[in-house]
Amino acid sequence: MPILGVYNCLTPYLLVGALLFAFGIYGLVSRRTLIGMLVSSELLLSGAAMNFMAFARFIAPDPAIAQIFTLFIMAIAAAEAAIAVSIIIAVYRHYKSIDVDDITDLHG
């Protein structure tokens, strides 16, 4: 079964990471709600973390460095999600909507 040998190659990991990153970019551009944008930014960070770990597994002489970077990415994603959800709740309480087009008072 040739599919079982896929785990020993860098290309599938990079393709999945690039797909996650591309879905995140598409979601940021196409979504109109703040929650959709938040989920899309999490996809961006997941794609970057997956590429770090793929390069660490196949290329890096010391994989601990990429693992540390991935842990930082995960910590940034968790902090970003907590702060973004609190901002979204505050915006919803004030404007009664999370649609980006409805929030026009934020333009400086």
N, C-alpha and C. Protein backbone atom coordinates (compact mmCIF):
# COMPACT_ATOMS: atom_id res chain seq x y z
N MET A 1 0.83 -1.18 0.00
CA MET A 1 0.00 0.00 0.00
C MET A 1 0.88 1.25 0.00
N PRO A 2 0.87 1.99 -1.08
CA PRO A 2 1.75 3.17 -1.17
C PRO A 2 1.32 4.31 -0.27
N ILE A 3 0.08 4.35 0.17
CA ILE A 3 -0.38 5.45 1.02
C ILE A 3 0.30 5.41 2.40
N LEU A 4 0.73 4.24 2.82
CA LEU A 4 1.34 4.13 4.14
C LEU A 4 2.73 4.76 4.18
N GLY A 5 3.38 4.95 3.05
CA GLY A 5 4.69 5.57 3.01
C GLY A 5 4.65 7.09 2.96
N VAL A 6 3.47 7.67 2.99
CA VAL A 6 3.34 9.12 2.87
C VAL A 6 3.89 9.85 4.09
N TYR A 7 3.81 9.24 5.25
CA TYR A 7 4.26 9.91 6.47
C TYR A 7 5.75 10.16 6.49
N ASN A 8 6.48 9.54 5.59
CA ASN A 8 7.93 9.66 5.57
C ASN A 8 8.40 10.68 4.53
N CYS A 9 7.51 11.59 4.13
CA CYS A 9 7.82 12.57 3.10
C CYS A 9 7.35 13.95 3.58
N LEU A 10 8.09 14.98 3.22
CA LEU A 10 7.78 16.34 3.66
C LEU A 10 6.62 16.97 2.90
N THR A 11 6.46 16.62 1.64
CA THR A 11 5.49 17.29 0.77
C THR A 11 4.05 17.24 1.27
N PRO A 12 3.51 16.10 1.71
CA PRO A 12 2.10 16.11 2.17
C PRO A 12 1.87 17.02 3.37
N TYR A 13 2.82 17.09 4.26
CA TYR A 13 2.68 17.98 5.42
C TYR A 13 2.65 19.45 4.98
N LEU A 14 3.52 19.78 4.04
CA LEU A 14 3.54 21.16 3.54
C LEU A 14 2.28 21.49 2.77
N LEU A 15 1.74 20.54 2.04
CA LEU A 15 0.49 20.77 1.32
C LEU A 15 -0.68 21.00 2.27
N VAL A 16 -0.76 20.21 3.32
CA VAL A 16 -1.84 20.39 4.30
C VAL A 16 -1.67 21.72 5.02
N GLY A 17 -0.45 22.07 5.39
CA GLY A 17 -0.20 23.36 6.02
C GLY A 17 -0.54 24.53 5.11
N ALA A 18 -0.19 24.40 3.83
CA ALA A 18 -0.51 25.46 2.87
C ALA A 18 -2.02 25.55 2.64
N LEU A 19 -2.72 24.42 2.64
CA LEU A 19 -4.18 24.45 2.50
C LEU A 19 -4.83 25.13 3.70
N LEU A 20 -4.36 24.81 4.90
CA LEU A 20 -4.90 25.47 6.09
C LEU A 20 -4.66 26.97 6.02
N PHE A 21 -3.47 27.36 5.62
CA PHE A 21 -3.15 28.78 5.50
C PHE A 21 -4.01 29.45 4.44
N ALA A 22 -4.20 28.78 3.30
CA ALA A 22 -5.01 29.35 2.22
C ALA A 22 -6.48 29.46 2.64
N PHE A 23 -7.00 28.45 3.34
CA PHE A 23 -8.38 28.53 3.83
C PHE A 23 -8.52 29.68 4.83
N GLY A 24 -7.50 29.91 5.63
CA GLY A 24 -7.54 31.01 6.57
C GLY A 24 -7.55 32.36 5.87
N ILE A 25 -6.72 32.52 4.85
CA ILE A 25 -6.70 33.76 4.07
C ILE A 25 -8.06 33.98 3.39
N TYR A 26 -8.59 32.91 2.78
CA TYR A 26 -9.89 33.02 2.11
C TYR A 26 -10.99 33.39 3.11
N GLY A 27 -10.95 32.79 4.28
CA GLY A 27 -11.95 33.09 5.30
C GLY A 27 -11.85 34.52 5.79
N LEU A 28 -10.65 35.04 5.95
CA LEU A 28 -10.50 36.43 6.37
C LEU A 28 -11.04 37.40 5.34
N VAL A 29 -10.84 37.07 4.07
CA VAL A 29 -11.29 37.96 3.00
C VAL A 29 -12.80 37.86 2.78
N SER A 30 -13.35 36.65 2.89
CA SER A 30 -14.75 36.46 2.50
C SER A 30 -15.75 36.57 3.64
N ARG A 31 -15.34 36.35 4.88
CA ARG A 31 -16.29 36.38 6.00
C ARG A 31 -16.69 37.80 6.34
N ARG A 32 -17.94 37.94 6.76
CA ARG A 32 -18.45 39.25 7.13
C ARG A 32 -18.66 39.39 8.62
N THR A 33 -18.59 38.29 9.35
CA THR A 33 -18.79 38.38 10.79
C THR A 33 -17.46 38.27 11.51
N LEU A 34 -17.41 38.81 12.69
CA LEU A 34 -16.17 38.80 13.46
C LEU A 34 -15.80 37.39 13.92
N ILE A 35 -16.80 36.56 14.21
CA ILE A 35 -16.51 35.18 14.63
C ILE A 35 -15.88 34.39 13.49
N GLY A 36 -16.39 34.57 12.28
CA GLY A 36 -15.80 33.90 11.12
C GLY A 36 -14.36 34.34 10.88
N MET A 37 -14.10 35.61 11.09
CA MET A 37 -12.73 36.11 10.95
C MET A 37 -11.82 35.54 12.02
N LEU A 38 -12.35 35.37 13.22
CA LEU A 38 -11.56 34.79 14.30
C LEU A 38 -11.20 33.34 13.99
N VAL A 39 -12.14 32.57 13.50
CA VAL A 39 -11.87 31.18 13.14
C VAL A 39 -10.85 31.12 11.99
N SER A 40 -10.96 32.02 11.05
CA SER A 40 -10.03 32.05 9.93
C SER A 40 -8.61 32.40 10.38
N SER A 41 -8.50 33.29 11.34
CA SER A 41 -7.16 33.61 11.84
C SER A 41 -6.57 32.43 12.60
N GLU A 42 -7.41 31.64 13.25
CA GLU A 42 -6.91 30.43 13.91
C GLU A 42 -6.42 29.42 12.86
N LEU A 43 -7.10 29.34 11.72
CA LEU A 43 -6.63 28.47 10.65
C LEU A 43 -5.27 28.93 10.12
N LEU A 44 -5.08 30.24 10.01
CA LEU A 44 -3.78 30.77 9.58
C LEU A 44 -2.67 30.32 10.52
N LEU A 45 -2.91 30.46 11.80
CA LEU A 45 -1.89 30.09 12.78
C LEU A 45 -1.67 28.58 12.80
N SER A 46 -2.70 27.80 12.59
CA SER A 46 -2.54 26.34 12.55
C SER A 46 -1.71 25.91 11.34
N GLY A 47 -1.93 26.55 10.21
CA GLY A 47 -1.13 26.24 9.03
C GLY A 47 0.34 26.57 9.23
N ALA A 48 0.61 27.71 9.85
CA ALA A 48 2.01 28.08 10.13
C ALA A 48 2.65 27.11 11.11
N ALA A 49 1.92 26.71 12.14
CA ALA A 49 2.47 25.77 13.12
C ALA A 49 2.73 24.40 12.48
N MET A 50 1.85 23.99 11.59
CA MET A 50 2.06 22.70 10.93
C MET A 50 3.30 22.73 10.06
N ASN A 51 3.54 23.82 9.37
CA ASN A 51 4.75 23.93 8.54
C ASN A 51 6.00 23.95 9.41
N PHE A 52 5.96 24.64 10.54
CA PHE A 52 7.11 24.61 11.46
C PHE A 52 7.42 23.19 11.90
N MET A 53 6.39 22.45 12.28
CA MET A 53 6.63 21.09 12.76
C MET A 53 7.08 20.15 11.64
N ALA A 54 6.58 20.36 10.43
CA ALA A 54 7.02 19.53 9.30
C ALA A 54 8.49 19.77 8.99
N PHE A 55 8.89 21.03 8.95
CA PHE A 55 10.30 21.32 8.71
C PHE A 55 11.17 20.81 9.86
N ALA A 56 10.66 20.87 11.07
CA ALA A 56 11.44 20.38 12.21
C ALA A 56 11.64 18.88 12.12
N ARG A 57 10.64 18.17 11.66
CA ARG A 57 10.75 16.72 11.61
C ARG A 57 11.70 16.26 10.51
N PHE A 58 11.70 16.93 9.36
CA PHE A 58 12.45 16.43 8.22
C PHE A 58 13.76 17.15 7.95
N ILE A 59 13.91 18.41 8.34
CA ILE A 59 15.08 19.17 7.92
C ILE A 59 15.94 19.65 9.07
N ALA A 60 15.35 20.11 10.15
CA ALA A 60 16.10 20.77 11.22
C ALA A 60 16.98 19.78 11.97
N PRO A 61 18.23 20.19 12.27
CA PRO A 61 19.09 19.32 13.08
C PRO A 61 18.65 19.27 14.54
N ASP A 62 18.04 20.35 15.03
CA ASP A 62 17.55 20.39 16.41
C ASP A 62 16.05 20.68 16.38
N PRO A 63 15.19 19.66 16.51
CA PRO A 63 13.75 19.89 16.39
C PRO A 63 13.14 20.65 17.57
N ALA A 64 13.90 20.84 18.64
CA ALA A 64 13.35 21.53 19.80
C ALA A 64 13.06 23.00 19.50
N ILE A 65 13.82 23.61 18.61
CA ILE A 65 13.59 25.02 18.28
C ILE A 65 12.24 25.20 17.61
N ALA A 66 11.93 24.35 16.64
CA ALA A 66 10.63 24.45 15.97
C ALA A 66 9.50 24.11 16.92
N GLN A 67 9.72 23.21 17.84
CA GLN A 67 8.68 22.89 18.83
C GLN A 67 8.43 24.08 19.74
N ILE A 68 9.48 24.81 20.09
CA ILE A 68 9.31 26.01 20.92
C ILE A 68 8.54 27.08 20.13
N PHE A 69 8.87 27.26 18.84
CA PHE A 69 8.12 28.20 18.02
C PHE A 69 6.65 27.80 17.91
N THR A 70 6.39 26.51 17.77
CA THR A 70 5.01 26.04 17.68
C THR A 70 4.27 26.27 18.99
N LEU A 71 4.93 26.08 20.10
CA LEU A 71 4.28 26.38 21.39
C LEU A 71 3.98 27.87 21.52
N PHE A 72 4.89 28.72 21.04
CA PHE A 72 4.61 30.16 21.04
C PHE A 72 3.41 30.49 20.15
N ILE A 73 3.33 29.84 18.99
CA ILE A 73 2.19 30.07 18.09
C ILE A 73 0.90 29.64 18.78
N MET A 74 0.92 28.52 19.47
CA MET A 74 -0.28 28.06 20.18
C MET A 74 -0.65 29.01 21.30
N ALA A 75 0.34 29.54 22.01
CA ALA A 75 0.05 30.49 23.09
C ALA A 75 -0.51 31.79 22.52
N ILE A 76 0.05 32.25 21.40
CA ILE A 76 -0.46 33.46 20.76
C ILE A 76 -1.89 33.23 20.27
N ALA A 77 -2.17 32.05 19.72
CA ALA A 77 -3.52 31.76 19.24
C ALA A 77 -4.52 31.74 20.39
N ALA A 78 -4.13 31.18 21.53
CA ALA A 78 -5.03 31.15 22.67
C ALA A 78 -5.28 32.55 23.22
N ALA A 79 -4.23 33.35 23.32
CA ALA A 79 -4.39 34.72 23.80
C ALA A 79 -5.21 35.55 22.82
N GLU A 80 -4.95 35.36 21.54
CA GLU A 80 -5.71 36.09 20.52
C GLU A 80 -7.18 35.72 20.56
N ALA A 81 -7.47 34.44 20.75
CA ALA A 81 -8.87 34.02 20.82
C ALA A 81 -9.57 34.61 22.04
N ALA A 82 -8.91 34.61 23.17
CA ALA A 82 -9.52 35.15 24.40
C ALA A 82 -9.78 36.65 24.27
N ILE A 83 -8.80 37.38 23.76
CA ILE A 83 -8.97 38.83 23.61
C ILE A 83 -10.00 39.15 22.54
N ALA A 84 -9.96 38.41 21.43
CA ALA A 84 -10.91 38.68 20.35
C ALA A 84 -12.35 38.38 20.77
N VAL A 85 -12.56 37.31 21.51
CA VAL A 85 -13.92 37.00 21.96
C VAL A 85 -14.42 38.07 22.91
N SER A 86 -13.56 38.57 23.79
CA SER A 86 -14.00 39.64 24.69
C SER A 86 -14.31 40.92 23.93
N ILE A 87 -13.54 41.24 22.90
CA ILE A 87 -13.83 42.41 22.09
C ILE A 87 -15.12 42.21 21.30
N ILE A 88 -15.33 41.02 20.78
CA ILE A 88 -16.56 40.73 20.03
C ILE A 88 -17.78 40.86 20.93
N ILE A 89 -17.68 40.38 22.15
CA ILE A 89 -18.80 40.51 23.10
C ILE A 89 -19.07 41.98 23.40
N ALA A 90 -18.03 42.77 23.59
CA ALA A 90 -18.21 44.20 23.85
C ALA A 90 -18.83 44.91 22.66
N VAL A 91 -18.40 44.56 21.45
CA VAL A 91 -18.97 45.17 20.24
C VAL A 91 -20.43 44.76 20.10
N TYR A 92 -20.75 43.49 20.38
CA TYR A 92 -22.13 43.04 20.26
C TYR A 92 -23.04 43.74 21.28
N ARG A 93 -22.55 43.93 22.48
CA ARG A 93 -23.35 44.62 23.49
C ARG A 93 -23.64 46.07 23.09
N HIS A 94 -22.70 46.69 22.42
CA HIS A 94 -22.88 48.10 22.04
C HIS A 94 -23.69 48.26 20.76
N TYR A 95 -23.39 47.44 19.73
CA TYR A 95 -24.01 47.62 18.42
C TYR A 95 -25.13 46.61 18.13
N LYS A 96 -25.30 45.58 18.96
CA LYS A 96 -26.30 44.52 18.77
C LYS A 96 -26.12 43.77 17.45
N SER A 97 -24.88 43.70 16.97
CA SER A 97 -24.55 42.97 15.76
C SER A 97 -23.06 42.68 15.74
N ILE A 98 -22.69 41.56 15.11
CA ILE A 98 -21.27 41.27 14.93
C ILE A 98 -20.90 41.30 13.45
N ASP A 99 -21.81 41.76 12.61
CA ASP A 99 -21.52 41.93 11.19
C ASP A 99 -20.61 43.13 11.01
N VAL A 100 -19.56 42.95 10.26
CA VAL A 100 -18.55 44.00 10.10
C VAL A 100 -19.14 45.22 9.39
N ASP A 101 -20.05 45.00 8.46
CA ASP A 101 -20.63 46.13 7.73
C ASP A 101 -21.55 46.98 8.61
N ASP A 102 -22.13 46.39 9.64
CA ASP A 102 -23.01 47.14 10.53
C ASP A 102 -22.25 48.04 11.50
N ILE A 103 -20.99 47.78 11.68
CA ILE A 103 -20.18 48.53 12.66
C ILE A 103 -19.48 49.65 11.91
N THR A 104 -20.19 50.70 11.63
CA THR A 104 -19.61 51.80 10.85
C THR A 104 -19.10 52.93 11.73
N ASP A 105 -19.47 52.94 13.00
CA ASP A 105 -18.99 53.99 13.90
C ASP A 105 -17.52 53.84 14.27
N LEU A 106 -16.94 52.69 13.95
CA LEU A 106 -15.54 52.46 14.30
C LEU A 106 -14.57 53.14 13.34
N HIS A 107 -15.05 53.62 12.21
CA HIS A 107 -14.16 54.30 11.28
C HIS A 107 -13.69 55.62 11.88
N GLY A 108 -12.38 55.82 11.90
CA GLY A 108 -11.81 56.99 12.55
C GLY A 108 -11.93 58.19 11.73
